[in-house]
Amino acid sequence: MKPLTYRQEFFCQAFVQGGNASYAAGDAGYTSGSRRQQGWRLMKTARIQDRIREIQAGMAHHHGRDHEVLLGKLENIYRGAIENHQYHAATRAIEAQARLSARMQPAAGDAALKSPAHPATSPVLVKM
């Protein structure tokens, strides 16, 4: 398949960021008088659609890794707090993990993206 032109690639990137074909066409350099038509035309092109899906998939994968890193950092904070008998801080770390995990959950019915719960988000009883 023929590679996208610079302008087409820029259109795809702008569309993923903004979600509007007309504005993305303007950002890609199409004139204000033709950007609506060019945006519509570009969105009908299979190569453009494929590239947009590819960019979105990459962003979703990267976003998931960011969440995993944050959960790992919160787990380290939790463990350090428990070792230092800072139970309030440990509880706060667990609460933050739970909130972050809830944001990571896919929309209902999207079974392909569901991931197992992070072990640090399960309830923990702390003796005082």
Protein backbone atom coordinates (compact mmCIF):
# COMPACT_ATOMS: atom_id res chain seq x y z
CA MET A 1 0.00 0.00 0.00
CA LYS A 2 1.24 3.48 -0.87
CA PRO A 3 2.42 5.49 2.17
CA LEU A 4 0.50 8.55 3.30
CA THR A 5 1.70 11.98 2.29
CA TYR A 6 2.96 14.37 4.93
CA ARG A 7 -0.32 16.29 4.79
CA GLN A 8 -2.39 13.12 5.13
CA GLU A 9 -0.34 11.98 8.12
CA PHE A 10 -0.71 15.39 9.72
CA PHE A 11 -4.47 15.18 9.10
CA CYS A 12 -4.62 11.79 10.85
CA GLN A 13 -2.65 13.05 13.86
CA ALA A 14 -4.80 16.19 14.12
CA PHE A 15 -8.02 14.19 13.78
CA VAL A 16 -7.04 11.83 16.60
CA GLN A 17 -6.22 14.79 18.84
CA GLY A 18 -9.32 16.84 18.06
CA GLY A 19 -11.93 14.44 16.69
CA ASN A 20 -13.12 16.86 13.99
CA ALA A 21 -12.30 16.20 10.32
CA SER A 22 -12.87 19.79 9.23
CA TYR A 23 -10.52 21.26 11.84
CA ALA A 24 -7.98 18.49 11.22
CA ALA A 25 -7.99 19.34 7.51
CA GLY A 26 -7.39 22.99 8.37
CA ASP A 27 -4.52 22.02 10.67
CA ALA A 28 -3.07 19.88 7.87
CA GLY A 29 -2.90 22.92 5.60
CA TYR A 30 -6.09 22.81 3.56
CA THR A 31 -7.65 26.21 2.91
CA SER A 32 -10.54 27.39 5.04
CA GLY A 33 -12.83 27.25 2.00
CA SER A 34 -12.12 23.60 1.27
CA ARG A 35 -11.35 22.09 4.65
CA ARG A 36 -14.87 20.72 5.19
CA GLN A 37 -14.87 18.94 1.84
CA GLN A 38 -11.27 17.76 2.23
CA GLY A 39 -11.95 16.47 5.73
CA TRP A 40 -14.96 14.53 4.49
CA ARG A 41 -13.01 13.18 1.50
CA LEU A 42 -10.05 12.13 3.62
CA MET A 43 -12.27 10.36 6.16
CA LYS A 44 -13.72 8.23 3.34
CA THR A 45 -10.24 6.98 2.37
CA ALA A 46 -9.43 3.48 3.66
CA ARG A 47 -5.72 4.28 4.20
CA ILE A 48 -6.66 7.31 6.31
CA GLN A 49 -9.15 5.26 8.35
CA ASP A 50 -6.54 2.55 8.92
CA ARG A 51 -3.93 5.07 10.04
CA ILE A 52 -6.36 6.75 12.44
CA ARG A 53 -7.20 3.37 13.98
CA GLU A 54 -3.48 2.62 14.26
CA ILE A 55 -2.76 5.91 16.04
CA GLN A 56 -5.71 5.42 18.40
CA ALA A 57 -4.58 1.88 19.24
CA GLY A 58 -1.08 3.14 19.99
CA MET A 59 -2.45 5.86 22.24
CA ALA A 60 -4.66 3.38 24.10
CA HIS A 61 -1.70 1.04 24.64
CA HIS A 62 0.51 3.89 25.87
CA HIS A 63 -2.27 5.16 28.14
CA GLY A 64 -2.57 1.71 29.72
CA ARG A 65 1.16 1.58 30.41
CA ASP A 66 0.99 4.97 32.13
CA HIS A 67 -1.70 3.64 34.46
CA GLU A 68 0.35 0.53 35.22
CA VAL A 69 3.37 2.68 36.13
CA LEU A 70 1.23 4.83 38.43
CA LEU A 71 -0.24 1.74 40.11
CA GLY A 72 3.28 0.44 40.67
CA LYS A 73 4.38 3.70 42.25
CA LEU A 74 1.34 3.70 44.52
CA GLU A 75 2.14 0.12 45.52
CA ASN A 76 5.65 1.21 46.53
CA ILE A 77 4.20 4.07 48.58
CA TYR A 78 1.77 1.66 50.25
CA ARG A 79 4.52 -0.82 51.19
CA GLY A 80 6.78 1.92 52.51
CA ALA A 81 3.94 3.35 54.58
CA ILE A 82 3.15 -0.06 56.10
CA GLU A 83 6.83 -0.65 56.95
CA ASN A 84 6.98 2.75 58.68
CA HIS A 85 3.65 2.23 60.48
CA GLN A 86 2.09 5.12 58.56
CA TYR A 87 -1.34 3.51 58.27
CA HIS A 88 -3.16 6.64 57.17
CA ALA A 89 -0.73 7.05 54.26
CA ALA A 90 -1.13 3.36 53.40
CA THR A 91 -4.91 3.75 53.35
CA ARG A 92 -4.62 6.80 51.09
CA ALA A 93 -2.39 4.85 48.69
CA ILE A 94 -4.97 2.05 48.54
CA GLU A 95 -7.75 4.57 47.89
CA ALA A 96 -5.72 6.16 45.09
CA GLN A 97 -5.08 2.73 43.55
CA ALA A 98 -8.80 1.95 43.65
CA ARG A 99 -9.70 5.26 41.99
CA LEU A 100 -7.08 4.77 39.30
CA SER A 101 -8.19 1.19 38.67
CA ALA A 102 -11.80 2.32 38.33
CA ARG A 103 -10.74 4.80 35.64
CA MET A 104 -8.89 2.05 33.81
CA GLN A 105 -11.96 -0.16 33.52
CA PRO A 106 -13.23 -0.39 29.91
CA ALA A 107 -16.75 0.58 28.94
CA ALA A 108 -19.46 -2.00 29.62
CA GLY A 109 -19.54 -4.69 26.97
CA ASP A 110 -15.93 -4.18 25.90
CA ALA A 111 -14.69 -7.58 27.01
CA ALA A 112 -11.65 -7.51 24.72
CA LEU A 113 -10.03 -4.74 26.76
CA LYS A 114 -10.80 -6.04 30.25
CA SER A 115 -7.76 -6.75 32.36
CA PRO A 116 -7.51 -8.55 35.69
CA ALA A 117 -7.73 -6.39 38.79
CA HIS A 118 -4.46 -5.16 40.22
CA PRO A 119 -3.68 -7.09 43.43
CA ALA A 120 -2.96 -3.90 45.34
CA THR A 121 -6.53 -2.71 44.85
CA SER A 122 -8.01 -5.56 46.87
CA PRO A 123 -9.05 -4.65 50.41
CA VAL A 124 -6.33 -4.92 53.02
CA LEU A 125 -6.93 -5.16 56.74
CA VAL A 126 -4.34 -3.41 58.85
CA LYS A 127 -3.93 -4.20 62.56
CA MET A 128 -3.33 -1.18 64.72
